[in-house]
PDB file of all heavy atoms in Angstrom:
ATOM      1  N   ARG A   1      -4.817  -2.053  -0.022  1.00  0.00           N
ATOM      2  CA  ARG A   1      -4.169  -1.506   1.167  1.00  0.00           C
ATOM      3  C   ARG A   1      -2.667  -1.615   0.992  1.00  0.00           C
ATOM      4  O   ARG A   1      -2.139  -2.708   0.736  1.00  0.00           O
ATOM      5  CB  ARG A   1      -4.601  -2.256   2.428  1.00  0.00           C
ATOM      6  CG  ARG A   1      -4.059  -1.664   3.709  1.00  0.00           C
ATOM      7  CD  ARG A   1      -4.609  -2.407   4.925  1.00  0.00           C
ATOM      8  NE  ARG A   1      -4.117  -1.879   6.190  1.00  0.00           N
ATOM      9  CZ  ARG A   1      -4.669  -0.847   6.822  1.00  0.00           C
ATOM     10  NH1 ARG A   1      -5.742  -0.258   6.326  1.00  0.00           N
ATOM     11  NH2 ARG A   1      -4.164  -0.419   7.964  1.00  0.00           N
ATOM     12  N   LEU A   2      -1.996  -0.474   1.110  1.00  0.00           N
ATOM     13  CA  LEU A   2      -0.541  -0.429   1.056  1.00  0.00           C
ATOM     14  C   LEU A   2       0.014  -0.322   2.471  1.00  0.00           C
ATOM     15  O   LEU A   2      -0.582   0.349   3.322  1.00  0.00           O
ATOM     16  CB  LEU A   2      -0.063   0.772   0.237  1.00  0.00           C
ATOM     17  CG  LEU A   2      -0.595   0.906  -1.184  1.00  0.00           C
ATOM     18  CD1 LEU A   2       0.016   2.142  -1.854  1.00  0.00           C
ATOM     19  CD2 LEU A   2      -0.321  -0.331  -1.991  1.00  0.00           C
ATOM     20  N   SER A   3       1.153  -0.956   2.683  1.00  0.00           N
ATOM     21  CA  SER A   3       1.822  -0.868   3.974  1.00  0.00           C
ATOM     22  C   SER A   3       3.297  -0.559   3.776  1.00  0.00           C
ATOM     23  O   SER A   3       3.882  -0.915   2.744  1.00  0.00           O
ATOM     24  CB  SER A   3       1.673  -2.185   4.748  1.00  0.00           C
ATOM     25  OG  SER A   3       0.326  -2.430   5.075  1.00  0.00           O
ATOM     26  N   CYS A   4       3.874   0.091   4.756  1.00  0.00           N
ATOM     27  CA  CYS A   4       5.285   0.460   4.698  1.00  0.00           C
ATOM     28  C   CYS A   4       5.860   0.342   6.107  1.00  0.00           C
ATOM     29  O   CYS A   4       5.258   0.823   7.070  1.00  0.00           O
ATOM     30  CB  CYS A   4       5.434   1.888   4.178  1.00  0.00           C
ATOM     31  SG  CYS A   4       7.099   2.574   4.282  1.00  0.00           S
ATOM     32  N   VAL A   5       7.020  -0.285   6.200  1.00  0.00           N
ATOM     33  CA  VAL A   5       7.696  -0.396   7.486  1.00  0.00           C
ATOM     34  C   VAL A   5       9.047   0.267   7.385  1.00  0.00           C
ATOM     35  O   VAL A   5       9.771   0.095   6.392  1.00  0.00           O
ATOM     36  CB  VAL A   5       7.819  -1.871   7.933  1.00  0.00           C
ATOM     37  CG1 VAL A   5       8.572  -2.693   6.916  1.00  0.00           C
ATOM     38  CG2 VAL A   5       8.461  -1.973   9.300  1.00  0.00           C
ATOM     39  N   ALA A   6       9.379   1.045   8.410  1.00  0.00           N
ATOM     40  CA  ALA A   6      10.664   1.735   8.473  1.00  0.00           C
ATOM     41  C   ALA A   6      11.648   0.933   9.322  1.00  0.00           C
ATOM     42  O   ALA A   6      11.260   0.262  10.275  1.00  0.00           O
ATOM     43  CB  ALA A   6      10.484   3.128   9.064  1.00  0.00           C
ATOM     44  N   SER A   7      12.926   1.047   8.961  1.00  0.00           N
ATOM     45  CA  SER A   7      13.959   0.271   9.653  1.00  0.00           C
ATOM     46  C   SER A   7      14.288   0.838  11.030  1.00  0.00           C
ATOM     47  O   SER A   7      14.919   0.161  11.846  1.00  0.00           O
ATOM     48  CB  SER A   7      15.234   0.215   8.808  1.00  0.00           C
ATOM     49  OG  SER A   7      15.718   1.528   8.555  1.00  0.00           O
ATOM     50  N   SER A   8      13.863   2.073  11.294  1.00  0.00           N
ATOM     51  CA  SER A   8      14.068   2.678  12.597  1.00  0.00           C
ATOM     52  C   SER A   8      12.919   3.637  12.883  1.00  0.00           C
ATOM     53  O   SER A   8      12.139   3.961  11.987  1.00  0.00           O
ATOM     54  CB  SER A   8      15.416   3.404  12.657  1.00  0.00           C
ATOM     55  OG  SER A   8      15.492   4.399  11.673  1.00  0.00           O
ATOM     56  N   ALA A   9      12.826   4.056  14.105  1.00  0.00           N
ATOM     57  CA  ALA A   9      11.712   4.895  14.521  1.00  0.00           C
ATOM     58  C   ALA A   9      11.746   6.253  13.830  1.00  0.00           C
ATOM     59  O   ALA A   9      12.803   6.840  13.631  1.00  0.00           O
ATOM     60  CB  ALA A   9      11.737   5.075  16.028  1.00  0.00           C
ATOM     61  N   ILE A  10      10.568   6.705  13.452  1.00  0.00           N
ATOM     62  CA  ILE A  10      10.380   8.045  12.906  1.00  0.00           C
ATOM     63  C   ILE A  10       9.654   8.853  13.974  1.00  0.00           C
ATOM     64  O   ILE A  10       8.555   8.491  14.385  1.00  0.00           O
ATOM     65  CB  ILE A  10       9.558   8.018  11.605  1.00  0.00           C
ATOM     66  CG1 ILE A  10      10.141   7.024  10.593  1.00  0.00           C
ATOM     67  CG2 ILE A  10       9.449   9.421  11.020  1.00  0.00           C
ATOM     68  CD1 ILE A  10      11.506   7.380  10.091  1.00  0.00           C
ATOM     69  N   TYR A  11      10.257   9.954  14.428  1.00  0.00           N
ATOM     70  CA  TYR A  11       9.613  10.755  15.459  1.00  0.00           C
ATOM     71  C   TYR A  11       8.212  11.167  15.029  1.00  0.00           C
ATOM     72  O   TYR A  11       7.955  11.441  13.859  1.00  0.00           O
ATOM     73  CB  TYR A  11      10.453  11.989  15.777  1.00  0.00           C
ATOM     74  CG  TYR A  11      11.730  11.692  16.495  1.00  0.00           C
ATOM     75  CD1 TYR A  11      12.959  12.002  15.929  1.00  0.00           C
ATOM     76  CD2 TYR A  11      11.732  11.101  17.759  1.00  0.00           C
ATOM     77  CE1 TYR A  11      14.146  11.735  16.591  1.00  0.00           C
ATOM     78  CE2 TYR A  11      12.910  10.819  18.414  1.00  0.00           C
ATOM     79  CZ  TYR A  11      14.110  11.140  17.833  1.00  0.00           C
ATOM     80  OH  TYR A  11      15.281  10.873  18.479  1.00  0.00           O
ATOM     81  N   THR A  12       7.323  11.214  15.976  1.00  0.00           N
ATOM     82  CA  THR A  12       5.923  11.476  15.655  1.00  0.00           C
ATOM     83  C   THR A  12       5.713  12.789  14.924  1.00  0.00           C
ATOM     84  O   THR A  12       4.785  12.932  14.126  1.00  0.00           O
ATOM     85  CB  THR A  12       5.071  11.464  16.923  1.00  0.00           C
ATOM     86  OG1 THR A  12       5.560  12.472  17.811  1.00  0.00           O
ATOM     87  CG2 THR A  12       5.138  10.119  17.623  1.00  0.00           C
ATOM     88  N   PHE A  13       6.561  13.787  15.191  1.00  0.00           N
ATOM     89  CA  PHE A  13       6.361  15.083  14.546  1.00  0.00           C
ATOM     90  C   PHE A  13       7.002  15.153  13.168  1.00  0.00           C
ATOM     91  O   PHE A  13       6.854  16.161  12.473  1.00  0.00           O
ATOM     92  CB  PHE A  13       6.878  16.225  15.428  1.00  0.00           C
ATOM     93  CG  PHE A  13       8.249  16.002  16.004  1.00  0.00           C
ATOM     94  CD1 PHE A  13       9.375  16.294  15.265  1.00  0.00           C
ATOM     95  CD2 PHE A  13       8.412  15.501  17.283  1.00  0.00           C
ATOM     96  CE1 PHE A  13      10.639  16.089  15.786  1.00  0.00           C
ATOM     97  CE2 PHE A  13       9.675  15.289  17.829  1.00  0.00           C
ATOM     98  CZ  PHE A  13      10.788  15.587  17.076  1.00  0.00           C
ATOM     99  N   TYR A  14       7.700  14.108  12.756  1.00  0.00           N
ATOM    100  CA  TYR A  14       8.201  14.034  11.388  1.00  0.00           C
ATOM    101  C   TYR A  14       7.140  13.365  10.523  1.00  0.00           C
ATOM    102  O   TYR A  14       6.520  12.392  10.920  1.00  0.00           O
ATOM    103  CB  TYR A  14       9.503  13.242  11.319  1.00  0.00           C
ATOM    104  CG  TYR A  14      10.698  13.950  11.895  1.00  0.00           C
ATOM    105  CD1 TYR A  14      11.741  13.225  12.458  1.00  0.00           C
ATOM    106  CD2 TYR A  14      10.814  15.335  11.865  1.00  0.00           C
ATOM    107  CE1 TYR A  14      12.858  13.851  12.985  1.00  0.00           C
ATOM    108  CE2 TYR A  14      11.920  15.971  12.400  1.00  0.00           C
ATOM    109  CZ  TYR A  14      12.938  15.237  12.959  1.00  0.00           C
ATOM    110  OH  TYR A  14      14.039  15.860  13.475  1.00  0.00           O
ATOM    111  N   PRO A  15       6.943  13.858   9.295  1.00  0.00           N
ATOM    112  CA  PRO A  15       5.912  13.263   8.445  1.00  0.00           C
ATOM    113  C   PRO A  15       6.317  11.892   7.921  1.00  0.00           C
ATOM    114  O   PRO A  15       7.486  11.608   7.692  1.00  0.00           O
ATOM    115  CB  PRO A  15       5.794  14.265   7.293  1.00  0.00           C
ATOM    116  CG  PRO A  15       7.145  14.892   7.218  1.00  0.00           C
ATOM    117  CD  PRO A  15       7.626  14.984   8.646  1.00  0.00           C
ATOM    118  N   MET A  16       5.317  11.082   7.745  1.00  0.00           N
ATOM    119  CA  MET A  16       5.483   9.779   7.108  1.00  0.00           C
ATOM    120  C   MET A  16       4.236   9.544   6.290  1.00  0.00           C
ATOM    121  O   MET A  16       3.131   9.891   6.737  1.00  0.00           O
ATOM    122  CB  MET A  16       5.666   8.685   8.161  1.00  0.00           C
ATOM    123  CG  MET A  16       6.165   7.359   7.604  1.00  0.00           C
ATOM    124  SD  MET A  16       6.534   6.179   8.927  1.00  0.00           S
ATOM    125  CE  MET A  16       7.109   4.786   7.950  1.00  0.00           C
ATOM    126  N   GLY A  17       4.403   9.018   5.087  1.00  0.00           N
ATOM    127  CA  GLY A  17       3.208   8.818   4.279  1.00  0.00           C
ATOM    128  C   GLY A  17       3.521   8.323   2.896  1.00  0.00           C
ATOM    129  O   GLY A  17       4.461   7.541   2.700  1.00  0.00           O
ATOM    130  N   TRP A  18       2.726   8.805   1.925  1.00  0.00           N
ATOM    131  CA  TRP A  18       2.741   8.244   0.572  1.00  0.00           C
ATOM    132  C   TRP A  18       2.714   9.333  -0.496  1.00  0.00           C
ATOM    133  O   TRP A  18       1.984  10.314  -0.374  1.00  0.00           O
ATOM    134  CB  TRP A  18       1.523   7.335   0.380  1.00  0.00           C
ATOM    135  CG  TRP A  18       1.514   6.193   1.332  1.00  0.00           C
ATOM    136  CD1 TRP A  18       0.962   6.167   2.587  1.00  0.00           C
ATOM    137  CD2 TRP A  18       2.124   4.917   1.130  1.00  0.00           C
ATOM    138  NE1 TRP A  18       1.193   4.949   3.170  1.00  0.00           N
ATOM    139  CE2 TRP A  18       1.898   4.152   2.299  1.00  0.00           C
ATOM    140  CE3 TRP A  18       2.827   4.326   0.077  1.00  0.00           C
ATOM    141  CZ2 TRP A  18       2.351   2.846   2.428  1.00  0.00           C
ATOM    142  CZ3 TRP A  18       3.278   3.027   0.203  1.00  0.00           C
ATOM    143  CH2 TRP A  18       3.037   2.295   1.380  1.00  0.00           C
ATOM    144  N   TYR A  19       3.508   9.103  -1.525  1.00  0.00           N
ATOM    145  CA  TYR A  19       3.485   9.866  -2.757  1.00  0.00           C
ATOM    146  C   TYR A  19       3.256   8.879  -3.899  1.00  0.00           C
ATOM    147  O   TYR A  19       3.407   7.679  -3.728  1.00  0.00           O
ATOM    148  CB  TYR A  19       4.800  10.597  -2.972  1.00  0.00           C
ATOM    149  CG  TYR A  19       4.981  11.828  -2.115  1.00  0.00           C
ATOM    150  CD1 TYR A  19       5.159  11.743  -0.740  1.00  0.00           C
ATOM    151  CD2 TYR A  19       4.961  13.104  -2.685  1.00  0.00           C
ATOM    152  CE1 TYR A  19       5.317  12.867   0.045  1.00  0.00           C
ATOM    153  CE2 TYR A  19       5.117  14.248  -1.912  1.00  0.00           C
ATOM    154  CZ  TYR A  19       5.302  14.117  -0.548  1.00  0.00           C
ATOM    155  OH  TYR A  19       5.457  15.240   0.206  1.00  0.00           O
ATOM    156  N   ARG A  20       2.906   9.398  -5.061  1.00  0.00           N
ATOM    157  CA  ARG A  20       2.739   8.540  -6.229  1.00  0.00           C
ATOM    158  C   ARG A  20       3.222   9.252  -7.477  1.00  0.00           C
ATOM    159  O   ARG A  20       3.270  10.473  -7.544  1.00  0.00           O
ATOM    160  CB  ARG A  20       1.284   8.110  -6.399  1.00  0.00           C
ATOM    161  CG  ARG A  20       0.325   9.233  -6.773  1.00  0.00           C
ATOM    162  CD  ARG A  20      -1.118   8.710  -6.766  1.00  0.00           C
ATOM    163  NE  ARG A  20      -2.058   9.768  -7.126  1.00  0.00           N
ATOM    164  CZ  ARG A  20      -3.381   9.628  -7.070  1.00  0.00           C
ATOM    165  NH1 ARG A  20      -3.935   8.471  -6.670  1.00  0.00           N
ATOM    166  NH2 ARG A  20      -4.159  10.635  -7.427  1.00  0.00           N
ATOM    167  N   GLN A  21       3.599   8.421  -8.462  1.00  0.00           N
ATOM    168  CA  GLN A  21       4.056   8.951  -9.735  1.00  0.00           C
ATOM    169  C   GLN A  21       3.458   8.121 -10.852  1.00  0.00           C
ATOM    170  O   GLN A  21       3.769   6.926 -10.989  1.00  0.00           O
ATOM    171  CB  GLN A  21       5.579   8.948  -9.821  1.00  0.00           C
ATOM    172  CG  GLN A  21       6.125   9.647 -11.036  1.00  0.00           C
ATOM    173  CD  GLN A  21       7.611   9.909 -10.943  1.00  0.00           C
ATOM    174  OE1 GLN A  21       8.331   9.325 -10.144  1.00  0.00           O
ATOM    175  NE2 GLN A  21       8.099  10.828 -11.766  1.00  0.00           N
ATOM    176  N   ALA A  22       2.610   8.752 -11.636  1.00  0.00           N
ATOM    177  CA  ALA A  22       2.035   8.109 -12.804  1.00  0.00           C
ATOM    178  C   ALA A  22       2.973   8.271 -13.990  1.00  0.00           C
ATOM    179  O   ALA A  22       3.823   9.169 -14.007  1.00  0.00           O
ATOM    180  CB  ALA A  22       0.666   8.713 -13.115  1.00  0.00           C
ATOM    181  N   ALA A  23       2.828   7.430 -14.975  1.00  0.00           N
ATOM    182  CA  ALA A  23       3.695   7.468 -16.149  1.00  0.00           C
ATOM    183  C   ALA A  23       3.627   8.841 -16.816  1.00  0.00           C
ATOM    184  O   ALA A  23       2.539   9.356 -17.088  1.00  0.00           O
ATOM    185  CB  ALA A  23       3.285   6.375 -17.129  1.00  0.00           C
ATOM    186  N   GLY A  24       4.782   9.440 -17.026  1.00  0.00           N
ATOM    187  CA  GLY A  24       4.850  10.723 -17.703  1.00  0.00           C
ATOM    188  C   GLY A  24       4.490  11.921 -16.848  1.00  0.00           C
ATOM    189  O   GLY A  24       4.394  13.035 -17.370  1.00  0.00           O
ATOM    190  N   LYS A  25       4.288  11.700 -15.563  1.00  0.00           N
ATOM    191  CA  LYS A  25       3.897  12.791 -14.671  1.00  0.00           C
ATOM    192  C   LYS A  25       4.890  12.930 -13.520  1.00  0.00           C
ATOM    193  O   LYS A  25       5.680  12.025 -13.235  1.00  0.00           O
ATOM    194  CB  LYS A  25       2.490  12.558 -14.129  1.00  0.00           C
ATOM    195  CG  LYS A  25       1.411  12.600 -15.185  1.00  0.00           C
ATOM    196  CD  LYS A  25       0.026  12.512 -14.566  1.00  0.00           C
ATOM    197  CE  LYS A  25      -1.055  12.609 -15.612  1.00  0.00           C
ATOM    198  NZ  LYS A  25      -2.425  12.557 -15.018  1.00  0.00           N
ATOM    199  N   GLN A  26       4.824  14.069 -12.839  1.00  0.00           N
ATOM    200  CA  GLN A  26       5.681  14.294 -11.684  1.00  0.00           C
ATOM    201  C   GLN A  26       5.148  13.552 -10.460  1.00  0.00           C
ATOM    202  O   GLN A  26       3.945  13.263 -10.362  1.00  0.00           O
ATOM    203  CB  GLN A  26       5.759  15.796 -11.383  1.00  0.00           C
ATOM    204  CG  GLN A  26       6.532  16.596 -12.423  1.00  0.00           C
ATOM    205  CD  GLN A  26       6.740  18.045 -11.991  1.00  0.00           C
ATOM    206  OE1 GLN A  26       5.943  18.606 -11.259  1.00  0.00           O
ATOM    207  NE2 GLN A  26       7.832  18.633 -12.446  1.00  0.00           N
ATOM    208  N   ARG A  27       6.054  13.265  -9.545  1.00  0.00           N
ATOM    209  CA  ARG A  27       5.650  12.648  -8.281  1.00  0.00           C
ATOM    210  C   ARG A  27       4.780  13.641  -7.510  1.00  0.00           C
ATOM    211  O   ARG A  27       5.080  14.837  -7.453  1.00  0.00           O
ATOM    212  CB  ARG A  27       6.875  12.255  -7.470  1.00  0.00           C
ATOM    213  CG  ARG A  27       6.581  11.366  -6.285  1.00  0.00           C
ATOM    214  CD  ARG A  27       7.855  10.858  -5.642  1.00  0.00           C
ATOM    215  NE  ARG A  27       8.637  10.018  -6.542  1.00  0.00           N
ATOM    216  CZ  ARG A  27       9.703   9.319  -6.186  1.00  0.00           C
ATOM    217  NH1 ARG A  27      10.112   9.348  -4.913  1.00  0.00           N
ATOM    218  NH2 ARG A  27      10.363   8.597  -7.056  1.00  0.00           N
ATOM    219  N   GLU A  28       3.694  13.121  -6.908  1.00  0.00           N
ATOM    220  CA  GLU A  28       2.773  13.998  -6.190  1.00  0.00           C
ATOM    221  C   GLU A  28       2.413  13.411  -4.832  1.00  0.00           C
ATOM    222  O   GLU A  28       2.423  12.190  -4.630  1.00  0.00           O
ATOM    223  CB  GLU A  28       1.486  14.210  -7.003  1.00  0.00           C
ATOM    224  CG  GLU A  28       0.682  12.953  -7.245  1.00  0.00           C
ATOM    225  CD  GLU A  28      -0.624  13.202  -7.998  1.00  0.00           C
ATOM    226  OE1 GLU A  28      -0.878  14.350  -8.407  1.00  0.00           O
ATOM    227  OE2 GLU A  28      -1.394  12.234  -8.156  1.00  0.00           O
ATOM    228  N   LEU A  29       2.062  14.304  -3.931  1.00  0.00           N
ATOM    229  CA  LEU A  29       1.618  13.895  -2.609  1.00  0.00           C
ATOM    230  C   LEU A  29       0.301  13.130  -2.713  1.00  0.00           C
ATOM    231  O   LEU A  29      -0.600  13.532  -3.447  1.00  0.00           O
ATOM    232  CB  LEU A  29       1.414  15.127  -1.726  1.00  0.00           C
ATOM    233  CG  LEU A  29       0.676  14.915  -0.404  1.00  0.00           C
ATOM    234  CD1 LEU A  29       1.605  14.242   0.605  1.00  0.00           C
ATOM    235  CD2 LEU A  29       0.161  16.231   0.138  1.00  0.00           C
ATOM    236  N   VAL A  30       0.194  12.049  -1.930  1.00  0.00           N
ATOM    237  CA  VAL A  30      -1.086  11.358  -1.767  1.00  0.00           C
ATOM    238  C   VAL A  30      -1.619  11.652  -0.366  1.00  0.00           C
ATOM    239  O   VAL A  30      -2.708  12.198  -0.196  1.00  0.00           O
ATOM    240  CB  VAL A  30      -0.932   9.846  -1.978  1.00  0.00           C
ATOM    241  CG1 VAL A  30      -2.264   9.143  -1.716  1.00  0.00           C
ATOM    242  CG2 VAL A  30      -0.425   9.543  -3.381  1.00  0.00           C
ATOM    243  N   ALA A  31      -0.841  11.262   0.642  1.00  0.00           N
ATOM    244  CA  ALA A  31      -1.247  11.484   2.029  1.00  0.00           C
ATOM    245  C   ALA A  31      -0.031  11.360   2.929  1.00  0.00           C
ATOM    246  O   ALA A  31       0.821  10.496   2.706  1.00  0.00           O
ATOM    247  CB  ALA A  31      -2.308  10.479   2.455  1.00  0.00           C
ATOM    248  N   THR A  32       0.044  12.217   3.926  1.00  0.00           N
ATOM    249  CA  THR A  32       1.057  12.114   4.963  1.00  0.00           C
ATOM    250  C   THR A  32       0.405  12.316   6.320  1.00  0.00           C
ATOM    251  O   THR A  32      -0.733  12.810   6.411  1.00  0.00           O
ATOM    252  CB  THR A  32       2.184  13.146   4.788  1.00  0.00           C
ATOM    253  OG1 THR A  32       1.610  14.461   4.821  1.00  0.00           O
ATOM    254  CG2 THR A  32       2.941  12.937   3.494  1.00  0.00           C
ATOM    255  N   GLU A  33       1.147  11.932   7.348  1.00  0.00           N
ATOM    256  CA  GLU A  33       0.655  12.090   8.703  1.00  0.00           C
ATOM    257  C   GLU A  33       1.818  12.483   9.592  1.00  0.00           C
ATOM    258  O   GLU A  33       2.918  11.939   9.471  1.00  0.00           O
ATOM    259  CB  GLU A  33       0.026  10.777   9.180  1.00  0.00           C
ATOM    260  CG  GLU A  33      -0.806  10.907  10.445  1.00  0.00           C
ATOM    261  CD  GLU A  33      -0.068  10.537  11.701  1.00  0.00           C
ATOM    262  OE1 GLU A  33       1.172  10.607  11.740  1.00  0.00           O
ATOM    263  OE2 GLU A  33      -0.723  10.160  12.678  1.00  0.00           O
ATOM    264  N   SER A  34       1.574  13.445  10.469  1.00  0.00           N
ATOM    265  CA  SER A  34       2.570  13.794  11.486  1.00  0.00           C
ATOM    266  C   SER A  34       1.836  14.251  12.729  1.00  0.00           C
ATOM    267  O   SER A  34       0.819  14.949  12.622  1.00  0.00           O
ATOM    268  CB  SER A  34       3.525  14.872  10.977  1.00  0.00           C
ATOM    269  OG  SER A  34       2.854  16.070  10.706  1.00  0.00           O
ATOM    270  N   SER A  35       2.332  13.844  13.873  1.00  0.00           N
ATOM    271  CA  SER A  35       1.732  14.191  15.168  1.00  0.00           C
ATOM    272  C   SER A  35       0.238  13.914  15.204  1.00  0.00           C
ATOM    273  O   SER A  35      -0.525  14.675  15.812  1.00  0.00           O
ATOM    274  CB  SER A  35       2.000  15.667  15.489  1.00  0.00           C
ATOM    275  OG  SER A  35       3.391  15.927  15.561  1.00  0.00           O
ATOM    276  N   GLY A  36      -0.186  12.857  14.526  1.00  0.00           N
ATOM    277  CA  GLY A  36      -1.585  12.465  14.536  1.00  0.00           C
ATOM    278  C   GLY A  36      -2.466  13.219  13.576  1.00  0.00           C
ATOM    279  O   GLY A  36      -3.678  12.962  13.509  1.00  0.00           O
ATOM    280  N   THR A  37      -1.903  14.130  12.799  1.00  0.00           N
ATOM    281  CA  THR A  37      -2.689  14.934  11.864  1.00  0.00           C
ATOM    282  C   THR A  37      -2.436  14.470  10.437  1.00  0.00           C
ATOM    283  O   THR A  37      -1.316  14.530   9.957  1.00  0.00           O
ATOM    284  CB  THR A  37      -2.334  16.420  11.992  1.00  0.00           C
ATOM    285  OG1 THR A  37      -2.605  16.848  13.330  1.00  0.00           O
ATOM    286  CG2 THR A  37      -3.153  17.248  11.013  1.00  0.00           C
ATOM    287  N   PRO A  38      -3.490  14.006   9.742  1.00  0.00           N
ATOM    288  CA  PRO A  38      -3.323  13.583   8.355  1.00  0.00           C
ATOM    289  C   PRO A  38      -3.422  14.761   7.388  1.00  0.00           C
ATOM    290  O   PRO A  38      -4.048  15.781   7.688  1.00  0.00           O
ATOM    291  CB  PRO A  38      -4.476  12.613   8.137  1.00  0.00           C
ATOM    292  CG  PRO A  38      -5.552  13.130   9.035  1.00  0.00           C
ATOM    293  CD  PRO A  38      -4.858  13.720  10.221  1.00  0.00           C
ATOM    294  N   ASN A  39      -2.813  14.582   6.233  1.00  0.00           N
ATOM    295  CA  ASN A  39      -2.867  15.565   5.157  1.00  0.00           C
ATOM    296  C   ASN A  39      -3.086  14.798   3.872  1.00  0.00           C
ATOM    297  O   ASN A  39      -2.306  13.921   3.534  1.00  0.00           O
ATOM    298  CB  ASN A  39      -1.557  16.358   5.099  1.00  0.00           C
ATOM    299  CG  ASN A  39      -1.551  17.345   3.955  1.00  0.00           C
ATOM    300  OD1 ASN A  39      -2.543  18.000   3.680  1.00  0.00           O
ATOM    301  ND2 ASN A  39      -0.414  17.469   3.275  1.00  0.00           N
ATOM    302  N   TYR A  40      -4.164  15.116   3.165  1.00  0.00           N
ATOM    303  CA  TYR A  40      -4.528  14.388   1.954  1.00  0.00           C
ATOM    304  C   TYR A  40      -4.524  15.297   0.733  1.00  0.00           C
ATOM    305  O   TYR A  40      -4.906  16.465   0.811  1.00  0.00           O
ATOM    306  CB  TYR A  40      -5.930  13.785   2.082  1.00  0.00           C
ATOM    307  CG  TYR A  40      -6.085  12.716   3.121  1.00  0.00           C
ATOM    308  CD1 TYR A  40      -6.611  13.005   4.371  1.00  0.00           C
ATOM    309  CD2 TYR A  40      -5.718  11.395   2.851  1.00  0.00           C
ATOM    310  CE1 TYR A  40      -6.768  12.022   5.334  1.00  0.00           C
ATOM    311  CE2 TYR A  40      -5.875  10.400   3.810  1.00  0.00           C
ATOM    312  CZ  TYR A  40      -6.398  10.718   5.041  1.00  0.00           C
ATOM    313  OH  TYR A  40      -6.546   9.731   5.996  1.00  0.00           O
ATOM    314  N   ALA A  41      -4.160  14.718  -0.397  1.00  0.00           N
ATOM    315  CA  ALA A  41      -4.395  15.405  -1.660  1.00  0.00           C
ATOM    316  C   ALA A  41      -5.893  15.485  -1.902  1.00  0.00           C
ATOM    317  O   ALA A  41      -6.646  14.578  -1.528  1.00  0.00           O
ATOM    318  CB  ALA A  41      -3.718  14.643  -2.794  1.00  0.00           C
ATOM    319  N   ASP A  42      -6.325  16.568  -2.535  1.00  0.00           N
ATOM    320  CA  ASP A  42      -7.761  16.733  -2.788  1.00  0.00           C
ATOM    321  C   ASP A  42      -8.334  15.565  -3.580  1.00  0.00           C
ATOM    322  O   ASP A  42      -9.491  15.169  -3.389  1.00  0.00           O
ATOM    323  CB  ASP A  42      -8.012  18.041  -3.536  1.00  0.00           C
ATOM    324  CG  ASP A  42      -7.827  19.268  -2.657  1.00  0.00           C
ATOM    325  OD1 ASP A  42      -7.833  19.120  -1.410  1.00  0.00           O
ATOM    326  OD2 ASP A  42      -7.670  20.372  -3.209  1.00  0.00           O
ATOM    327  N   SER A  43      -7.521  15.010  -4.469  1.00  0.00           N
ATOM    328  CA  SER A  43      -8.011  13.966  -5.368  1.00  0.00           C
ATOM    329  C   SER A  43      -8.333  12.655  -4.648  1.00  0.00           C
ATOM    330  O   SER A  43      -9.010  11.792  -5.212  1.00  0.00           O
ATOM    331  CB  SER A  43      -6.992  13.703  -6.470  1.00  0.00           C
ATOM    332  OG  SER A  43      -5.751  13.287  -5.910  1.00  0.00           O
TER     333      SER A  43
END
């Protein structure tokens, strides 16, 4: 389980979430959430 805390409030309609970068690869979306709606990478 990963956790992240922001130093100030992020409006609900702004996305917040996670990306990842494997060695030798580009950074890619993992999952984000905004206004209660999640968005996941297919993988």
